[in-house]
Structure formats: C-alpha cells, structure tokens
Protein backbone atom coordinates (compact mmCIF):
# COMPACT_ATOMS: atom_id res chain seq x y z
CA MET A 1 0.89 -34.85 -22.14
CA VAL A 2 0.31 -31.10 -22.45
CA GLU A 3 -3.05 -30.17 -20.95
CA ILE A 4 -5.16 -27.29 -22.27
CA ILE A 5 -8.39 -25.78 -20.99
CA ALA A 6 -10.53 -23.41 -23.05
CA SER A 7 -13.53 -21.14 -22.53
CA ILE A 8 -16.24 -19.74 -24.78
CA VAL A 9 -18.63 -17.01 -23.64
CA VAL A 10 -22.00 -16.99 -25.37
CA PHE A 11 -24.99 -14.67 -25.47
CA LYS A 12 -28.06 -15.80 -27.42
CA THR A 13 -25.76 -17.84 -29.63
CA LYS A 14 -27.24 -20.35 -32.09
CA ALA A 15 -26.40 -23.96 -31.33
CA CYS A 16 -25.45 -24.70 -34.95
CA ILE A 17 -22.73 -22.03 -34.76
CA ILE A 18 -21.18 -22.92 -31.42
CA ASN A 19 -21.34 -26.66 -32.09
CA GLN A 20 -19.06 -26.10 -35.06
CA THR A 21 -16.59 -24.36 -32.73
CA ILE A 22 -16.88 -27.10 -30.12
CA ALA A 23 -16.25 -29.81 -32.70
CA SER A 24 -13.14 -28.02 -33.95
CA LEU A 25 -11.68 -27.58 -30.47
CA LEU A 26 -12.41 -31.06 -29.12
CA LYS A 27 -10.64 -32.72 -32.04
CA SER A 28 -7.44 -31.88 -30.19
CA GLU A 29 -6.35 -34.50 -27.65
CA TYR A 30 -4.64 -31.72 -25.67
CA VAL A 31 -7.96 -30.13 -24.67
CA ILE A 32 -9.03 -31.67 -21.38
CA ARG A 33 -11.86 -29.27 -20.55
CA LEU A 34 -14.04 -26.68 -22.24
CA PHE A 35 -16.13 -24.16 -20.34
CA ILE A 36 -19.24 -22.80 -22.05
CA PHE A 37 -20.26 -19.73 -20.06
CA ASP A 38 -23.78 -18.64 -21.02
CA ASN A 39 -24.71 -15.00 -20.42
CA SER A 40 -28.11 -15.50 -22.10
CA PRO A 41 -31.44 -14.86 -20.33
CA THR A 42 -32.38 -18.59 -20.57
CA ASP A 43 -30.40 -21.84 -20.52
CA LYS A 44 -31.95 -23.12 -23.75
CA LEU A 45 -28.48 -23.79 -25.15
CA ARG A 46 -27.74 -26.31 -22.38
CA ASN A 47 -29.67 -29.06 -24.18
CA GLU A 48 -28.58 -28.04 -27.68
CA ILE A 49 -24.80 -28.09 -27.47
CA THR A 50 -22.72 -31.11 -28.34
CA GLU A 51 -22.51 -33.71 -25.56
CA ASP A 52 -19.00 -34.45 -24.38
CA ASN A 53 -17.63 -35.23 -20.92
CA ARG A 54 -14.99 -32.52 -21.37
CA ILE A 55 -17.65 -29.77 -21.56
CA THR A 56 -18.73 -27.82 -18.49
CA TYR A 57 -21.78 -25.63 -19.13
CA LEU A 58 -22.16 -22.63 -16.80
CA PHE A 59 -25.43 -20.69 -16.91
CA ASN A 60 -25.33 -17.20 -15.44
CA ASN A 61 -28.90 -15.90 -16.00
CA GLU A 62 -27.59 -12.38 -16.67
CA ASN A 63 -25.11 -10.77 -19.02
CA ILE A 64 -22.04 -9.94 -16.96
CA GLY A 65 -19.86 -9.20 -19.97
CA PHE A 66 -17.16 -10.95 -21.97
CA GLY A 67 -14.07 -10.48 -19.81
CA ARG A 68 -15.71 -11.09 -16.45
CA ALA A 69 -17.30 -14.31 -17.70
CA HIS A 70 -14.00 -15.61 -19.08
CA ASN A 71 -12.28 -14.69 -15.81
CA ILE A 72 -14.62 -16.97 -13.85
CA CYS A 73 -13.59 -19.85 -16.09
CA ILE A 74 -9.90 -18.90 -16.01
CA LYS A 75 -9.85 -18.92 -12.20
CA LYS A 76 -11.25 -22.46 -12.20
CA ALA A 77 -8.52 -23.63 -14.56
CA LEU A 78 -5.31 -21.87 -13.52
CA HIS A 79 -3.86 -24.81 -11.58
CA GLN A 80 -5.04 -27.52 -13.97
CA CYS A 81 -3.41 -26.79 -17.33
CA LYS A 82 -0.28 -25.52 -19.04
CA TYR A 83 -2.06 -23.44 -21.70
CA TYR A 84 -5.41 -21.69 -21.83
CA ILE A 85 -7.45 -20.84 -24.94
CA VAL A 86 -9.94 -17.97 -25.10
CA LEU A 87 -12.08 -18.19 -28.20
CA ASN A 88 -15.28 -16.88 -29.72
CA PRO A 89 -18.30 -19.10 -30.42
CA ASP A 90 -18.17 -18.27 -34.14
CA VAL A 91 -14.81 -19.74 -35.20
CA TYR A 92 -13.99 -23.11 -36.74
CA PHE A 93 -10.72 -24.76 -37.64
CA ASP A 94 -8.72 -27.97 -38.00
CA GLY A 95 -8.03 -29.25 -34.48
CA ALA A 96 -4.46 -30.09 -35.52
CA ILE A 97 -3.53 -26.41 -35.32
CA ILE A 98 -3.37 -26.65 -31.53
CA LYS A 99 -0.47 -29.10 -31.67
CA LYS A 100 1.46 -26.70 -33.91
CA MET A 101 0.78 -23.83 -31.52
CA VAL A 102 2.00 -25.92 -28.58
CA GLU A 103 5.20 -26.67 -30.50
CA LEU A 104 5.73 -22.94 -31.06
CA PHE A 105 5.28 -22.23 -27.35
CA ASP A 106 7.70 -25.01 -26.45
CA SER A 107 10.34 -23.53 -28.75
CA ASP A 108 10.64 -20.29 -26.75
CA SER A 109 9.85 -19.70 -23.08
CA GLU A 110 9.49 -15.97 -23.73
CA ILE A 111 6.27 -16.51 -25.73
CA GLY A 112 3.24 -15.56 -23.64
CA LEU A 113 0.42 -15.55 -26.20
CA VAL A 114 -0.10 -16.95 -29.70
CA ALA A 115 -2.89 -16.16 -32.16
CA PRO A 116 -3.44 -17.78 -35.58
CA ARG A 117 -4.03 -16.31 -39.00
CA ILE A 118 -7.74 -15.50 -39.27
CA LEU A 119 -9.74 -16.02 -42.45
CA TYR A 120 -13.28 -15.10 -43.40
CA PRO A 121 -15.44 -18.06 -44.48
CA ASN A 122 -14.75 -17.16 -48.13
CA GLY A 123 -11.01 -17.60 -47.49
CA LYS A 124 -10.15 -13.92 -47.50
CA LEU A 125 -7.62 -12.75 -44.91
CA GLN A 126 -8.99 -10.93 -41.87
CA LEU A 127 -6.61 -8.20 -40.74
CA SER A 128 -6.12 -9.29 -37.15
CA CYS A 129 -2.82 -7.58 -36.24
CA ARG A 130 -2.82 -4.03 -34.88
CA SER A 131 -0.41 -1.42 -33.64
CA LEU A 132 -1.36 0.19 -30.33
CA PRO A 133 -4.06 2.66 -31.35
CA THR A 134 -4.41 6.34 -30.66
CA PRO A 135 -7.94 7.77 -30.55
CA PHE A 136 -7.27 9.12 -34.05
CA ASP A 137 -6.35 5.66 -35.37
CA ILE A 138 -9.69 4.31 -34.24
CA ALA A 139 -11.49 7.26 -35.86
CA ILE A 140 -9.65 6.58 -39.14
CA ARG A 141 -10.64 2.91 -39.05
CA ARG A 142 -14.30 3.62 -38.36
CA ILE A 143 -14.80 6.66 -40.64
CA PRO A 144 -14.14 5.60 -44.26
CA PHE A 145 -13.43 9.03 -45.76
CA LEU A 146 -10.59 9.61 -43.27
CA ARG A 147 -8.74 6.65 -44.75
CA HIS A 148 -8.35 8.52 -48.02
CA PHE A 149 -6.54 11.35 -46.23
CA PHE A 150 -4.37 9.14 -43.98
CA PRO A 151 -3.80 5.91 -45.95
CA LYS A 152 -0.26 5.30 -44.66
CA ARG A 153 -1.32 5.64 -41.04
CA HIS A 154 -4.34 3.39 -41.59
CA LYS A 155 -2.17 0.71 -43.23
CA PHE A 156 0.36 0.84 -40.39
CA HIS A 157 -2.33 0.43 -37.73
CA GLN A 158 -3.58 -2.74 -39.48
CA PHE A 159 -0.04 -4.05 -40.05
CA LEU A 160 -0.19 -3.60 -43.81
CA HIS A 161 3.32 -2.15 -43.64
CA THR A 162 4.58 -5.72 -43.27
CA SER A 163 3.68 -9.24 -44.41
CA TYR A 164 0.83 -11.30 -42.95
CA ASP A 165 2.81 -14.38 -44.03
CA THR A 166 5.47 -13.85 -41.34
CA THR A 167 5.42 -14.74 -37.64
CA LEU A 168 5.40 -11.39 -35.83
CA ASN A 169 5.50 -10.05 -32.28
CA VAL A 170 2.32 -7.95 -32.27
CA PRO A 171 1.14 -5.78 -29.33
CA PHE A 172 -2.55 -6.14 -30.23
CA LEU A 173 -4.07 -9.30 -31.69
CA LEU A 174 -7.83 -9.65 -32.17
CA GLY A 175 -9.24 -11.81 -29.41
CA CYS A 176 -11.40 -14.34 -31.25
CA PHE A 177 -8.73 -17.04 -30.63
CA MET A 178 -5.93 -16.49 -28.13
CA MET A 179 -3.78 -19.27 -26.71
CA ILE A 180 -2.00 -18.13 -23.56
CA ARG A 181 0.59 -19.70 -21.28
CA THR A 182 -1.23 -20.29 -17.99
CA ASN A 183 1.58 -19.05 -15.77
CA VAL A 184 1.53 -15.81 -17.77
CA LEU A 185 -2.18 -15.42 -17.03
CA LYS A 186 -1.39 -15.94 -13.35
CA GLU A 187 1.29 -13.27 -13.51
CA VAL A 188 -0.52 -10.51 -15.41
CA GLY A 189 -4.08 -11.37 -14.36
CA GLY A 190 -6.99 -12.13 -16.63
CA PHE A 191 -9.23 -9.64 -18.36
CA ASP A 192 -9.81 -6.19 -16.87
CA GLU A 193 -13.46 -6.42 -15.83
CA ARG A 194 -14.01 -2.70 -16.30
CA PHE A 195 -14.48 -3.55 -19.98
CA PHE A 196 -17.94 -5.04 -20.40
CA LEU A 197 -17.36 -5.78 -24.07
CA TYR A 198 -14.70 -4.63 -26.59
CA MET A 199 -11.14 -3.43 -25.96
CA GLU A 200 -10.56 -6.13 -23.35
CA ASP A 201 -8.49 -8.14 -25.84
CA LEU A 202 -6.32 -5.09 -26.59
CA ASP A 203 -5.84 -4.42 -22.88
CA LEU A 204 -4.86 -8.04 -22.12
CA CYS A 205 -2.52 -8.31 -25.12
CA ARG A 206 -0.83 -5.09 -24.12
CA ARG A 207 -0.24 -6.24 -20.55
CA ILE A 208 1.20 -9.57 -21.72
CA ASN A 209 3.31 -7.90 -24.43
CA LYS A 210 5.02 -5.74 -21.80
CA LYS A 211 6.68 -8.89 -20.41
CA TYR A 212 6.42 -11.58 -23.08
CA LYS A 213 6.09 -12.07 -26.82
CA THR A 214 2.55 -12.00 -28.22
CA LEU A 215 2.89 -13.74 -31.55
CA TYR A 216 0.84 -13.73 -34.72
CA PHE A 217 1.42 -17.23 -36.15
CA PRO A 218 0.38 -17.52 -39.81
CA GLU A 219 1.36 -21.19 -40.15
CA VAL A 220 -2.05 -22.09 -38.71
CA ASN A 221 -5.46 -20.79 -39.80
CA ILE A 222 -8.92 -20.42 -38.31
CA ASN A 223 -12.14 -19.25 -39.94
CA HIS A 224 -14.17 -16.51 -38.26
CA LEU A 225 -17.75 -15.48 -38.92
CA TYR A 226 -16.84 -11.85 -38.24
CA GLN A 227 -19.88 -9.54 -37.94
CA ARG A 228 -18.57 -6.11 -36.85
CA ALA A 229 -21.77 -5.86 -34.83
CA SER A 230 -20.88 -2.56 -33.13
CA ALA A 231 -20.75 -0.87 -36.54
CA LYS A 232 -24.30 -2.05 -37.29
CA GLN A 233 -26.17 -1.91 -33.97
CA GLY A 234 -26.51 1.35 -32.08
CA TYR A 235 -26.45 -0.02 -28.53
CA LEU A 236 -23.31 -2.04 -29.25
CA PHE A 237 -21.66 1.06 -30.64
CA ILE A 238 -22.42 2.81 -27.34
CA ILE A 239 -20.82 -0.09 -25.44
CA HIS A 240 -17.81 0.03 -27.77
CA LEU A 241 -17.46 3.78 -27.27
CA SER A 242 -17.67 3.36 -23.50
CA SER A 243 -14.90 0.74 -23.60
CA MET A 244 -12.71 2.99 -25.75
CA ILE A 245 -13.07 5.80 -23.21
CA LYS A 246 -12.12 3.41 -20.39
CA TYR A 247 -9.14 2.10 -22.34
CA PHE A 248 -7.66 5.51 -23.17
CA THR A 249 -8.36 6.78 -19.67
CA LYS A 250 -6.38 3.81 -18.33
CA TRP A 251 -3.44 3.92 -20.73
CA GLY A 252 -3.34 7.51 -21.90
CA TRP A 253 -5.17 9.50 -24.55
CA PHE A 254 -2.44 11.51 -26.25
CA LYS A 255 0.61 11.25 -23.95
CA ASP A 256 1.19 7.51 -23.99
CA GLN A 257 4.98 7.19 -24.20
CA GLU A 258 4.92 3.41 -24.04
CA ARG A 259 2.59 3.29 -27.04
CA LYS A 260 4.88 5.64 -28.93
CA ARG A 261 7.93 3.48 -28.19
CA ILE A 262 6.27 0.18 -29.08
CA ASN A 263 4.81 1.49 -32.33
CA SER A 264 8.21 2.92 -33.32
CA GLU A 265 9.78 -0.49 -32.73
CA LEU A 266 7.17 -2.12 -34.98
CA LEU A 267 8.51 -0.19 -37.94
CA ARG A 268 11.87 -1.88 -37.41
CA GLN A 269 10.47 -5.41 -37.56
CA PRO A 270 11.41 -7.34 -40.74
CA SER A 271 8.73 -7.15 -43.43
C-alpha cells in the first residue's frame, strides 16, 4: 500500500479548527503518520487535539517559523513514505481526494508536486495558481487601485488568462495543501529556512518546478479558511515584506531570466 506522512505547523491554533483538518486527513487509509508541530508558547493544544495513534505531537516552546518546523518533520519522514503532504491547520476536505491525487502521481513519474482546487467555505473559488511574480506584480496584487491600471497583468499573475477547470503545470501554487513525491523532497531539499513565514511555498514550488511538474489538479477540492492575515496585522506585514526581500534577493529582482522564460511559456499553455 502507498504510505503517506503529513505535517501541520500550528501557532496558537484553536483545537476546533485543527481537529477538522485532522479528521479530514485521517480518513485516508494511505496516511500512516501525522506530525503536529506546535510553535505556540504553551502545549495547551496537546490535550485538545483528536486522539489517534497515527498522530505525533511535537511541542517546540518557541516560534521557529513555518518552513523550519515543517523541515524537522520532513527529515523524520523521508525514508518512511512515498508521498509527503504539507498542509495548513485551517483546511478541511473529503479524505477520498488523497487516493485521486495518488492516482495522478502514479500516472506520470515526472510529477513532483500536486495541489488541489481550493475553495472558500462559501464555495467560492480561491485563486491559488500564480505566475512567478516580479516585485511589481506583488505591488499590483496588494494595492487595489493599481489593478485598475494593469488589469491584464494582474489577471495573468493569478492565472485568470486560463481556466481553473483544467489540470495545469503551475510554477507557484499556494502552500495550504501540497502533496509532494518524497524522493523529490530528498533531491531539492525542503523549505528554505531563511523564510520565517511567507514566500517559502513559492520558493519550494519554484525549485521543484525546475525539475518536475508542479500540478494544479481541479478534480479534487479542499476548503480553506483563508484569512490574509498579513494584510490585516502590521507585524505580519513586516514579516511578509522581509520574506519578499529575501526571495527577490535570492532569485533576482528585475533581471530574472528564468522567471521571464517560465512566464512566457505559461502563455502558451492551453486555456
């Protein structure tokens, strides 16, 4: 049987929210282990999460960030499973989707990562596919009046130039649910720990997409309680800004030829 291990990183997360995620995930017989890595200041959640012998709760007693916490779990699992799932504590779904995602992986050895269609709780589509962003693309997305002046560019960045009903090879998929081939994680490495929070999903997707397909798979859905916290809380915006600076310093601010090539190829994908 295919064996899958997953990890969820939490920080002051309510038990009622994460238990919904846990219940969704553990409905799949493929999931043999789930790490809950708690970055919170107390281990209150330890006694509030669902009890299951597949769950390993890890309390850290300090917030070491999203990517670094997942990496600790990934390193424990690399030699124990065929696929690895990174997911947020605020998603819920039908556990049967995992079987369909495994079948997609098995159909093509060049697939490195698969992400599902993401819906808001009201059933509305969340735009989870992205082109590789320039600093200007991020400014357009975060500053509403700029969208009126550059609507075509904004739509392209959020993949509105094509159909969200089609399986697509996408260089940047939002990281609230990513299923990854374990040997691909071994090859490219886990998350870049320079990113405390934000942009780490973009960085990982980009590194995988250089060698493998990173697929948006709309035949399966998850629901996401998306908050856009960095747009509402000042200190999170500072963290987001810091991560953006690190990302563009790593990959290139304005002279990123790889980004230019990949984004040009996206326009040639079937719509």
